[in-house]
Amino acid sequence: MELLIKSVDSIIEKDRIGSPVFLRCVLNVASENDSLLQPMAEIVALSNGWIQSDSQTIYARGDANATQVTVMVKYVDGQMSVLSVNRVETETAIDIMLVGNKGVIYHETPIGRHYLSGTPPQLGKTGELLDTIAHALSTGQPTIVEG
C-alpha cells in the first residue's frame, strides 16, 4: 500500500491530474478480518490524504461484521469519495479511480486477468474517523465530522 500511496502522491505533486476532486475505491479484503471497520478507516485515511480538504460528512451503509461496507465522504470544499470494502475469499485487492480537475488515475491490484504481475495491497493498522464511520453505520444517518 505504501508504494501505491507514494506513486499517487508523486503524480499529484507533479500536477499531472490537477487537484483531486473525486475518489472511487473498492477494497476487497481476504476474510481473515473480524470487522470491516479497520480496513474502511484505512481507506478513509487514504482518501483524506489525497483530497486536500477537511471531511465534512460521512454517509455509511452495510454491516461491518458481514460482507460489505460502503462509505461516502463529503468534503468542505465540495470534493467527494465513495469507498467500499468487501469481504472476499480470495486475496486482498484494490481498485482505485482518482479524478482530478485535469485528469484521472486508475489503479487495480492485482491487475485483472494478469494479476500474477501485481502485488496485493498490504493493509496496516492506520486509519481515520473509525468512530464516526461506526456511528454512521449504526444510525443509518449522515454523520457530521467533528474536529
Protein backbone atom coordinates (compact mmCIF):
# COMPACT_ATOMS: atom_id res chain seq x y z
CA MET A 1 0.00 0.00 0.00
CA GLU A 2 2.92 2.34 0.72
CA LEU A 3 4.18 2.02 -2.86
CA LEU A 4 0.71 2.84 -4.22
CA ILE A 5 0.45 5.89 -1.95
CA LYS A 6 3.91 7.14 -2.95
CA SER A 7 3.13 6.65 -6.64
CA VAL A 8 -0.18 8.54 -6.49
CA ASP A 9 1.35 11.26 -4.28
CA SER A 10 4.08 11.74 -6.90
CA ILE A 11 1.51 12.16 -9.68
CA ILE A 12 -0.47 14.67 -7.59
CA GLU A 13 2.68 16.63 -6.69
CA LYS A 14 3.67 16.84 -10.37
CA ASP A 15 0.18 18.31 -11.08
CA ARG A 16 -0.49 15.64 -13.72
CA ILE A 17 -4.17 15.28 -12.72
CA GLY A 18 -4.63 18.67 -11.11
CA SER A 19 -6.40 18.90 -7.79
CA PRO A 20 -8.18 15.66 -6.74
CA VAL A 21 -11.95 16.14 -6.62
CA PHE A 22 -13.37 12.58 -6.50
CA LEU A 23 -12.12 9.17 -5.37
CA ARG A 24 -13.79 5.84 -6.00
CA CYS A 25 -12.08 3.00 -4.20
CA VAL A 26 -13.11 -0.64 -3.88
CA LEU A 27 -11.07 -2.72 -1.46
CA ASN A 28 -11.65 -6.47 -1.45
CA VAL A 29 -10.31 -7.87 1.80
CA ALA A 30 -9.44 -11.52 2.39
CA SER A 31 -11.85 -12.76 5.03
CA GLU A 32 -9.33 -13.04 7.89
CA ASN A 33 -10.57 -9.77 9.44
CA ASP A 34 -13.33 -9.88 12.05
CA SER A 35 -14.69 -6.43 11.19
CA LEU A 36 -14.52 -4.30 8.08
CA LEU A 37 -14.27 -1.10 10.14
CA GLN A 38 -10.46 -1.01 10.33
CA PRO A 39 -9.90 -1.58 6.59
CA MET A 40 -12.55 1.08 5.89
CA ALA A 41 -10.82 3.53 8.25
CA GLU A 42 -7.58 2.90 6.36
CA ILE A 43 -9.27 3.67 3.02
CA VAL A 44 -10.81 6.84 4.52
CA ALA A 45 -7.28 7.87 5.59
CA LEU A 46 -6.12 7.22 2.02
CA SER A 47 -8.91 9.45 0.69
CA ASN A 48 -8.23 12.18 3.25
CA GLY A 49 -4.56 12.15 2.26
CA TRP A 50 -5.28 12.72 -1.42
CA ILE A 51 -8.22 15.10 -1.23
CA GLN A 52 -6.93 18.39 0.14
CA SER A 53 -9.96 19.46 2.15
CA ASP A 54 -11.42 18.63 5.54
CA SER A 55 -14.01 15.87 5.83
CA GLN A 56 -17.45 17.32 6.43
CA THR A 57 -20.00 14.49 6.40
CA ILE A 58 -19.80 10.69 6.44
CA TYR A 59 -22.58 8.54 4.97
CA ALA A 60 -22.26 4.80 5.62
CA ARG A 61 -24.20 1.67 4.70
CA GLY A 62 -23.63 -2.01 5.25
CA ASP A 63 -22.62 -4.25 8.11
CA ALA A 64 -19.02 -4.21 9.32
CA ASN A 65 -19.36 -7.79 10.54
CA ALA A 66 -20.93 -9.10 7.32
CA THR A 67 -19.66 -8.84 3.75
CA GLN A 68 -19.71 -5.20 2.70
CA VAL A 69 -19.48 -1.59 3.91
CA THR A 70 -19.78 1.49 1.72
CA VAL A 71 -18.89 4.97 2.91
CA MET A 72 -19.32 8.29 1.14
CA VAL A 73 -17.21 11.18 2.43
CA LYS A 74 -18.29 14.69 1.56
CA TYR A 75 -15.58 17.34 1.94
CA VAL A 76 -15.89 21.00 2.95
CA ASP A 77 -14.77 22.29 -0.48
CA GLY A 78 -17.18 20.06 -2.42
CA GLN A 79 -14.96 17.06 -3.16
CA MET A 80 -16.32 13.58 -2.58
CA SER A 81 -15.18 9.99 -2.18
CA VAL A 82 -17.14 6.75 -2.48
CA LEU A 83 -15.36 3.92 -0.71
CA SER A 84 -16.33 0.27 -0.50
CA VAL A 85 -14.77 -2.55 1.49
CA ASN A 86 -15.89 -6.08 0.66
CA ARG A 87 -15.07 -9.36 2.36
CA VAL A 88 -13.84 -11.95 -0.18
CA GLU A 89 -12.48 -15.47 -0.02
CA THR A 90 -9.66 -14.77 -2.45
CA GLU A 91 -6.72 -12.44 -1.88
CA THR A 92 -6.88 -8.77 -0.96
CA ALA A 93 -7.20 -6.44 -3.96
CA ILE A 94 -7.82 -2.75 -4.57
CA ASP A 95 -9.38 -0.81 -7.44
CA ILE A 96 -8.96 2.97 -7.47
CA MET A 97 -10.16 5.80 -9.68
CA LEU A 98 -8.93 9.22 -8.55
CA VAL A 99 -10.39 12.09 -10.57
CA GLY A 100 -8.63 15.45 -10.65
CA ASN A 101 -9.71 18.66 -12.32
CA LYS A 102 -7.18 17.95 -15.12
CA GLY A 103 -7.07 14.15 -15.39
CA VAL A 104 -7.69 10.74 -13.87
CA ILE A 105 -5.60 7.99 -12.25
CA TYR A 106 -6.74 4.37 -12.47
CA HIS A 107 -5.14 1.58 -10.48
CA GLU A 108 -6.09 -2.05 -9.98
CA THR A 109 -4.12 -4.57 -7.93
CA PRO A 110 -3.98 -7.45 -8.64
CA ILE A 111 -4.18 -6.40 -12.25
CA GLY A 112 -7.23 -8.12 -13.73
CA ARG A 113 -6.53 -11.35 -15.55
CA HIS A 114 -2.80 -10.59 -15.40
CA TYR A 115 -2.83 -10.44 -11.61
CA LEU A 116 0.30 -12.58 -11.30
CA SER A 117 2.28 -9.45 -12.16
CA GLY A 118 0.65 -7.40 -9.38
CA THR A 119 1.15 -7.38 -5.65
CA PRO A 120 -1.88 -7.37 -3.33
CA PRO A 121 -2.05 -4.30 -1.07
CA GLN A 122 -0.84 -4.79 2.49
CA LEU A 123 -3.11 -3.11 4.98
CA GLY A 124 -1.66 -1.51 8.09
CA LYS A 125 -3.31 -0.51 11.32
CA THR A 126 -3.69 3.16 10.47
CA GLY A 127 -6.99 4.76 9.77
CA GLU A 128 -9.14 7.78 10.32
CA LEU A 129 -12.63 8.52 11.55
CA LEU A 130 -13.22 4.98 12.86
CA ASP A 131 -15.74 6.13 15.50
CA THR A 132 -17.52 8.40 13.01
CA ILE A 133 -17.84 5.55 10.49
CA ALA A 134 -19.13 3.19 13.20
CA HIS A 135 -21.68 5.81 14.32
CA ALA A 136 -22.89 6.40 10.75
CA LEU A 137 -23.29 2.64 10.24
CA SER A 138 -25.17 2.12 13.47
CA THR A 139 -27.58 5.03 12.99
CA GLY A 140 -28.01 4.84 9.23
CA GLN A 141 -27.85 8.64 9.19
CA PRO A 142 -25.33 11.11 7.78
CA THR A 143 -22.78 11.96 10.47
CA ILE A 144 -21.08 15.32 10.71
CA VAL A 145 -17.33 15.02 11.15
CA GLU A 146 -16.26 16.76 14.35
CA GLY A 147 -12.95 18.48 14.67
